Amino acid sequence: MDTLMPLLFVAAVIFILYMSAIRNPLRTCPRCKGAGTLPALIPGRFRPCPRCGRKGETRAWFGRPE
């Protein structure tokens, strides 16, 4: 019982860090704002965002690989 409580505490801390990294609002690409594309030089045209690879998201520290 003495070793169970610290293990549960460590598991809870890891779970909380993982969930906060997944729900991080900074995962949205700051260049394309989540659209996956950027305006091109020609009006009405768009080009893929090179930063996020057209996904609209960037990888967080502990986040899922995109």
N, C-alpha and C. Protein backbone atom coordinates (compact mmCIF):
# COMPACT_ATOMS: atom_id res chain seq x y z
N MET A 1 0.83 -1.20 0.00
CA MET A 1 0.00 0.00 0.00
C MET A 1 0.87 1.26 0.00
N ASP A 2 2.06 1.15 0.63
CA ASP A 2 2.92 2.33 0.71
C ASP A 2 3.45 2.74 -0.66
N THR A 3 3.66 1.80 -1.56
CA THR A 3 4.19 2.13 -2.89
C THR A 3 3.09 2.42 -3.89
N LEU A 4 1.86 2.06 -3.58
CA LEU A 4 0.76 2.26 -4.50
C LEU A 4 0.39 3.74 -4.64
N MET A 5 0.35 4.47 -3.57
CA MET A 5 -0.04 5.89 -3.61
C MET A 5 0.95 6.74 -4.42
N PRO A 6 2.26 6.62 -4.24
CA PRO A 6 3.17 7.41 -5.08
C PRO A 6 3.07 7.04 -6.56
N LEU A 7 2.85 5.77 -6.86
CA LEU A 7 2.69 5.36 -8.25
C LEU A 7 1.43 5.95 -8.87
N LEU A 8 0.35 5.96 -8.11
CA LEU A 8 -0.89 6.57 -8.60
C LEU A 8 -0.72 8.08 -8.78
N PHE A 9 0.00 8.71 -7.89
CA PHE A 9 0.24 10.15 -8.01
C PHE A 9 1.06 10.46 -9.26
N VAL A 10 2.11 9.69 -9.50
CA VAL A 10 2.94 9.89 -10.69
C VAL A 10 2.13 9.65 -11.96
N ALA A 11 1.31 8.60 -11.96
CA ALA A 11 0.47 8.31 -13.12
C ALA A 11 -0.53 9.44 -13.37
N ALA A 12 -1.09 10.00 -12.31
CA ALA A 12 -2.04 11.11 -12.45
C ALA A 12 -1.35 12.35 -13.01
N VAL A 13 -0.14 12.64 -12.55
CA VAL A 13 0.60 13.80 -13.05
C VAL A 13 0.92 13.63 -14.53
N ILE A 14 1.36 12.44 -14.92
CA ILE A 14 1.67 12.19 -16.33
C ILE A 14 0.41 12.32 -17.18
N PHE A 15 -0.70 11.80 -16.71
CA PHE A 15 -1.96 11.90 -17.45
C PHE A 15 -2.39 13.36 -17.60
N ILE A 16 -2.28 14.15 -16.56
CA ILE A 16 -2.66 15.56 -16.62
C ILE A 16 -1.76 16.33 -17.59
N LEU A 17 -0.46 16.07 -17.57
CA LEU A 17 0.46 16.72 -18.51
C LEU A 17 0.14 16.33 -19.95
N TYR A 18 -0.14 15.06 -20.18
CA TYR A 18 -0.47 14.60 -21.52
C TYR A 18 -1.75 15.25 -22.03
N MET A 19 -2.78 15.30 -21.21
CA MET A 19 -4.04 15.90 -21.64
C MET A 19 -3.91 17.41 -21.88
N SER A 20 -3.13 18.09 -21.05
CA SER A 20 -2.96 19.53 -21.25
C SER A 20 -2.16 19.81 -22.52
N ALA A 21 -1.23 18.92 -22.88
CA ALA A 21 -0.47 19.11 -24.11
C ALA A 21 -1.34 18.88 -25.34
N ILE A 22 -2.24 17.91 -25.27
CA ILE A 22 -3.13 17.64 -26.40
C ILE A 22 -4.11 18.80 -26.60
N ARG A 23 -4.61 19.35 -25.52
CA ARG A 23 -5.60 20.42 -25.62
C ARG A 23 -4.98 21.80 -25.71
N ASN A 24 -3.67 21.87 -25.91
CA ASN A 24 -2.96 23.14 -25.97
C ASN A 24 -3.46 23.99 -27.14
N PRO A 25 -3.93 25.21 -26.88
CA PRO A 25 -4.42 26.05 -27.99
C PRO A 25 -3.31 26.52 -28.92
N LEU A 26 -2.06 26.40 -28.52
CA LEU A 26 -0.96 26.85 -29.37
C LEU A 26 -0.61 25.81 -30.43
N ARG A 27 -1.31 24.69 -30.48
CA ARG A 27 -1.05 23.69 -31.51
C ARG A 27 -1.52 24.16 -32.87
N THR A 28 -2.41 25.15 -32.93
CA THR A 28 -2.84 25.68 -34.22
C THR A 28 -1.68 26.45 -34.84
N CYS A 29 -1.45 26.22 -36.12
CA CYS A 29 -0.34 26.86 -36.82
C CYS A 29 -0.49 28.37 -36.77
N PRO A 30 0.53 29.10 -36.30
CA PRO A 30 0.42 30.55 -36.21
C PRO A 30 0.46 31.24 -37.57
N ARG A 31 0.96 30.56 -38.58
CA ARG A 31 1.01 31.18 -39.91
C ARG A 31 -0.33 31.12 -40.62
N CYS A 32 -0.93 29.93 -40.66
CA CYS A 32 -2.17 29.77 -41.43
C CYS A 32 -3.42 29.80 -40.55
N LYS A 33 -3.25 29.89 -39.23
CA LYS A 33 -4.37 29.94 -38.27
C LYS A 33 -5.28 28.72 -38.38
N GLY A 34 -4.69 27.55 -38.72
CA GLY A 34 -5.46 26.32 -38.76
C GLY A 34 -6.09 26.02 -40.10
N ALA A 35 -5.95 26.90 -41.08
CA ALA A 35 -6.57 26.67 -42.39
C ALA A 35 -5.77 25.68 -43.24
N GLY A 36 -4.45 25.60 -43.02
CA GLY A 36 -3.62 24.71 -43.82
C GLY A 36 -3.10 25.35 -45.09
N THR A 37 -3.62 26.52 -45.42
CA THR A 37 -3.17 27.23 -46.62
C THR A 37 -2.91 28.68 -46.30
N LEU A 38 -2.08 29.30 -47.13
CA LEU A 38 -1.77 30.72 -47.02
C LEU A 38 -2.18 31.42 -48.31
N PRO A 39 -2.56 32.70 -48.25
CA PRO A 39 -2.89 33.41 -49.47
C PRO A 39 -1.68 33.49 -50.40
N ALA A 40 -1.91 33.30 -51.69
CA ALA A 40 -0.85 33.40 -52.68
C ALA A 40 -0.74 34.84 -53.17
N LEU A 41 0.22 35.07 -54.06
CA LEU A 41 0.39 36.42 -54.61
C LEU A 41 -0.78 36.82 -55.50
N ILE A 42 -1.39 35.84 -56.16
CA ILE A 42 -2.55 36.10 -57.02
C ILE A 42 -3.80 36.11 -56.14
N PRO A 43 -4.60 37.15 -56.20
CA PRO A 43 -5.81 37.20 -55.35
C PRO A 43 -6.74 36.01 -55.62
N GLY A 44 -7.30 35.48 -54.57
CA GLY A 44 -8.22 34.35 -54.68
C GLY A 44 -7.54 33.00 -54.76
N ARG A 45 -6.22 32.97 -54.76
CA ARG A 45 -5.48 31.71 -54.81
C ARG A 45 -4.84 31.45 -53.46
N PHE A 46 -4.57 30.19 -53.17
CA PHE A 46 -3.95 29.82 -51.91
C PHE A 46 -2.83 28.84 -52.19
N ARG A 47 -1.87 28.78 -51.26
CA ARG A 47 -0.76 27.83 -51.37
C ARG A 47 -0.65 27.08 -50.05
N PRO A 48 -0.09 25.87 -50.07
CA PRO A 48 0.04 25.10 -48.83
C PRO A 48 0.94 25.82 -47.84
N CYS A 49 0.61 25.72 -46.59
CA CYS A 49 1.44 26.32 -45.54
C CYS A 49 2.67 25.44 -45.35
N PRO A 50 3.89 25.99 -45.50
CA PRO A 50 5.08 25.16 -45.34
C PRO A 50 5.38 24.80 -43.89
N ARG A 51 4.84 25.55 -42.97
CA ARG A 51 5.15 25.29 -41.57
C ARG A 51 4.40 24.07 -41.04
N CYS A 52 3.14 23.95 -41.39
CA CYS A 52 2.33 22.85 -40.84
C CYS A 52 2.12 21.73 -41.84
N GLY A 53 2.63 21.86 -43.05
CA GLY A 53 2.45 20.80 -44.04
C GLY A 53 1.00 20.63 -44.46
N ARG A 54 0.27 21.71 -44.53
CA ARG A 54 -1.14 21.77 -44.94
C ARG A 54 -2.09 21.07 -43.97
N LYS A 55 -1.65 20.86 -42.74
CA LYS A 55 -2.51 20.24 -41.74
C LYS A 55 -3.21 21.28 -40.87
N GLY A 56 -2.63 22.47 -40.77
CA GLY A 56 -3.21 23.50 -39.93
C GLY A 56 -2.81 23.38 -38.47
N GLU A 57 -1.95 22.41 -38.15
CA GLU A 57 -1.55 22.21 -36.77
C GLU A 57 -0.04 22.04 -36.67
N THR A 58 0.50 22.44 -35.56
CA THR A 58 1.90 22.17 -35.26
C THR A 58 1.96 21.22 -34.08
N ARG A 59 3.07 20.56 -33.92
CA ARG A 59 3.20 19.57 -32.86
C ARG A 59 3.49 20.24 -31.52
N ALA A 60 2.75 19.84 -30.51
CA ALA A 60 3.00 20.33 -29.15
C ALA A 60 4.12 19.52 -28.53
N TRP A 61 4.60 19.93 -27.37
CA TRP A 61 5.70 19.25 -26.72
C TRP A 61 5.44 17.77 -26.51
N PHE A 62 4.32 17.46 -25.86
CA PHE A 62 3.98 16.08 -25.55
C PHE A 62 2.80 15.61 -26.40
N GLY A 63 2.47 16.34 -27.44
CA GLY A 63 1.30 16.03 -28.23
C GLY A 63 1.48 14.84 -29.15
N ARG A 64 0.38 14.43 -29.73
CA ARG A 64 0.41 13.31 -30.66
C ARG A 64 1.18 13.72 -31.91
N PRO A 65 1.93 12.83 -32.52
CA PRO A 65 2.60 13.17 -33.77
C PRO A 65 1.57 13.42 -34.87
N GLU A 66 1.79 14.40 -35.64
CA GLU A 66 0.83 14.78 -36.68
C GLU A 66 1.17 14.08 -37.97
